[in-house]
Amino acid sequence: MNTDELKGKWTQMTGSIKAKWGKLTDDDLKQAEGNRDILIGKIQEKYGVAKEEAEKQVNEWMEKA
């Protein structure tokens, strides 16, 4: 899945995102609204991981989605 597909399927994907990153709130997901960079930032913030680790997690998730 690429970034454009993520934006297009955002509403459908929020359940999958919540399952993977349970600390993310509905407000976090609403702020991200399909923006990969904002999602990465929210993961960094909530989980205290480096940007590279958050990007890796999102990339792996997007490949499987």
C-alpha atoms as a PDB file:
ATOM      1  CA  MET A   1       0.000   0.000   0.000  1.00  0.00           C
ATOM      2  CA  ASN A   2       1.337   3.429  -0.841  1.00  0.00           C
ATOM      3  CA  THR A   3       0.634   6.779   0.783  1.00  0.00           C
ATOM      4  CA  ASP A   4      -2.190   7.656  -1.623  1.00  0.00           C
ATOM      5  CA  GLU A   5      -3.910   4.350  -0.908  1.00  0.00           C
ATOM      6  CA  LEU A   6      -3.526   4.972   2.819  1.00  0.00           C
ATOM      7  CA  LYS A   7      -5.290   8.324   2.494  1.00  0.00           C
ATOM      8  CA  GLY A   8      -8.079   6.779   0.428  1.00  0.00           C
ATOM      9  CA  LYS A   9      -8.661   3.879   2.812  1.00  0.00           C
ATOM     10  CA  TRP A  10      -7.997   5.754   6.061  1.00  0.00           C
ATOM     11  CA  THR A  11     -11.425   5.235   7.614  1.00  0.00           C
ATOM     12  CA  GLN A  12     -11.318   1.525   6.880  1.00  0.00           C
ATOM     13  CA  MET A  13      -7.759   1.198   8.161  1.00  0.00           C
ATOM     14  CA  THR A  14      -8.239   2.919  11.528  1.00  0.00           C
ATOM     15  CA  GLY A  15      -9.306  -0.359  13.151  1.00  0.00           C
ATOM     16  CA  SER A  16      -6.139  -2.039  11.978  1.00  0.00           C
ATOM     17  CA  ILE A  17      -4.068   0.918  13.168  1.00  0.00           C
ATOM     18  CA  LYS A  18      -5.702   0.800  16.603  1.00  0.00           C
ATOM     19  CA  ALA A  19      -5.040  -2.936  16.812  1.00  0.00           C
ATOM     20  CA  LYS A  20      -1.332  -2.441  16.072  1.00  0.00           C
ATOM     21  CA  TRP A  21      -0.791   0.790  18.014  1.00  0.00           C
ATOM     22  CA  GLY A  22      -3.324   0.648  20.834  1.00  0.00           C
ATOM     23  CA  LYS A  23      -2.016   3.781  22.551  1.00  0.00           C
ATOM     24  CA  LEU A  24      -3.195   5.938  19.648  1.00  0.00           C
ATOM     25  CA  THR A  25      -6.493   7.647  20.393  1.00  0.00           C
ATOM     26  CA  ASP A  26      -9.336   8.506  18.048  1.00  0.00           C
ATOM     27  CA  ASP A  27      -8.135  12.114  18.231  1.00  0.00           C
ATOM     28  CA  ASP A  28      -4.632  11.045  17.182  1.00  0.00           C
ATOM     29  CA  LEU A  29      -6.050   9.209  14.186  1.00  0.00           C
ATOM     30  CA  LYS A  30      -8.301  12.118  13.294  1.00  0.00           C
ATOM     31  CA  GLN A  31      -5.313  14.475  13.346  1.00  0.00           C
ATOM     32  CA  ALA A  32      -3.335  12.143  11.095  1.00  0.00           C
ATOM     33  CA  GLU A  33      -6.234  11.717   8.596  1.00  0.00           C
ATOM     34  CA  GLY A  34      -4.206   9.436   6.321  1.00  0.00           C
ATOM     35  CA  ASN A  35      -1.007  11.464   6.527  1.00  0.00           C
ATOM     36  CA  ARG A  36       1.811   8.960   6.974  1.00  0.00           C
ATOM     37  CA  ASP A  37       4.213  11.521   8.465  1.00  0.00           C
ATOM     38  CA  ILE A  38       1.727  12.602  11.124  1.00  0.00           C
ATOM     39  CA  LEU A  39       1.006   8.948  11.937  1.00  0.00           C
ATOM     40  CA  ILE A  40       4.743   8.350  12.368  1.00  0.00           C
ATOM     41  CA  GLY A  41       4.982  11.393  14.629  1.00  0.00           C
ATOM     42  CA  LYS A  42       2.091  10.182  16.767  1.00  0.00           C
ATOM     43  CA  ILE A  43       3.712   6.751  17.133  1.00  0.00           C
ATOM     44  CA  GLN A  44       6.982   8.407  18.156  1.00  0.00           C
ATOM     45  CA  GLU A  45       5.154  10.526  20.716  1.00  0.00           C
ATOM     46  CA  LYS A  46       3.027   7.750  22.250  1.00  0.00           C
ATOM     47  CA  TYR A  47       5.627   4.976  22.211  1.00  0.00           C
ATOM     48  CA  GLY A  48       8.842   6.945  22.722  1.00  0.00           C
ATOM     49  CA  VAL A  49      10.606   5.442  19.728  1.00  0.00           C
ATOM     50  CA  ALA A  50      12.996   7.074  17.274  1.00  0.00           C
ATOM     51  CA  LYS A  51      11.661   8.339  13.963  1.00  0.00           C
ATOM     52  CA  GLU A  52      13.470   5.556  12.100  1.00  0.00           C
ATOM     53  CA  GLU A  53      11.799   2.892  14.262  1.00  0.00           C
ATOM     54  CA  ALA A  54       8.366   4.455  13.822  1.00  0.00           C
ATOM     55  CA  GLU A  55       8.898   4.638  10.045  1.00  0.00           C
ATOM     56  CA  LYS A  56       9.980   0.998   9.991  1.00  0.00           C
ATOM     57  CA  GLN A  57       6.856  -0.053  11.898  1.00  0.00           C
ATOM     58  CA  VAL A  58       4.567   1.945   9.602  1.00  0.00           C
ATOM     59  CA  ASN A  59       6.284   0.616   6.466  1.00  0.00           C
ATOM     60  CA  GLU A  60       5.930  -2.975   7.679  1.00  0.00           C
ATOM     61  CA  TRP A  61       2.279  -2.380   8.560  1.00  0.00           C
ATOM     62  CA  MET A  62       1.580  -0.773   5.164  1.00  0.00           C
ATOM     63  CA  GLU A  63       3.147  -3.747   3.324  1.00  0.00           C
ATOM     64  CA  LYS A  64       0.812  -6.132   5.141  1.00  0.00           C
ATOM     65  CA  ALA A  65      -2.307  -3.990   4.908  1.00  0.00           C
END
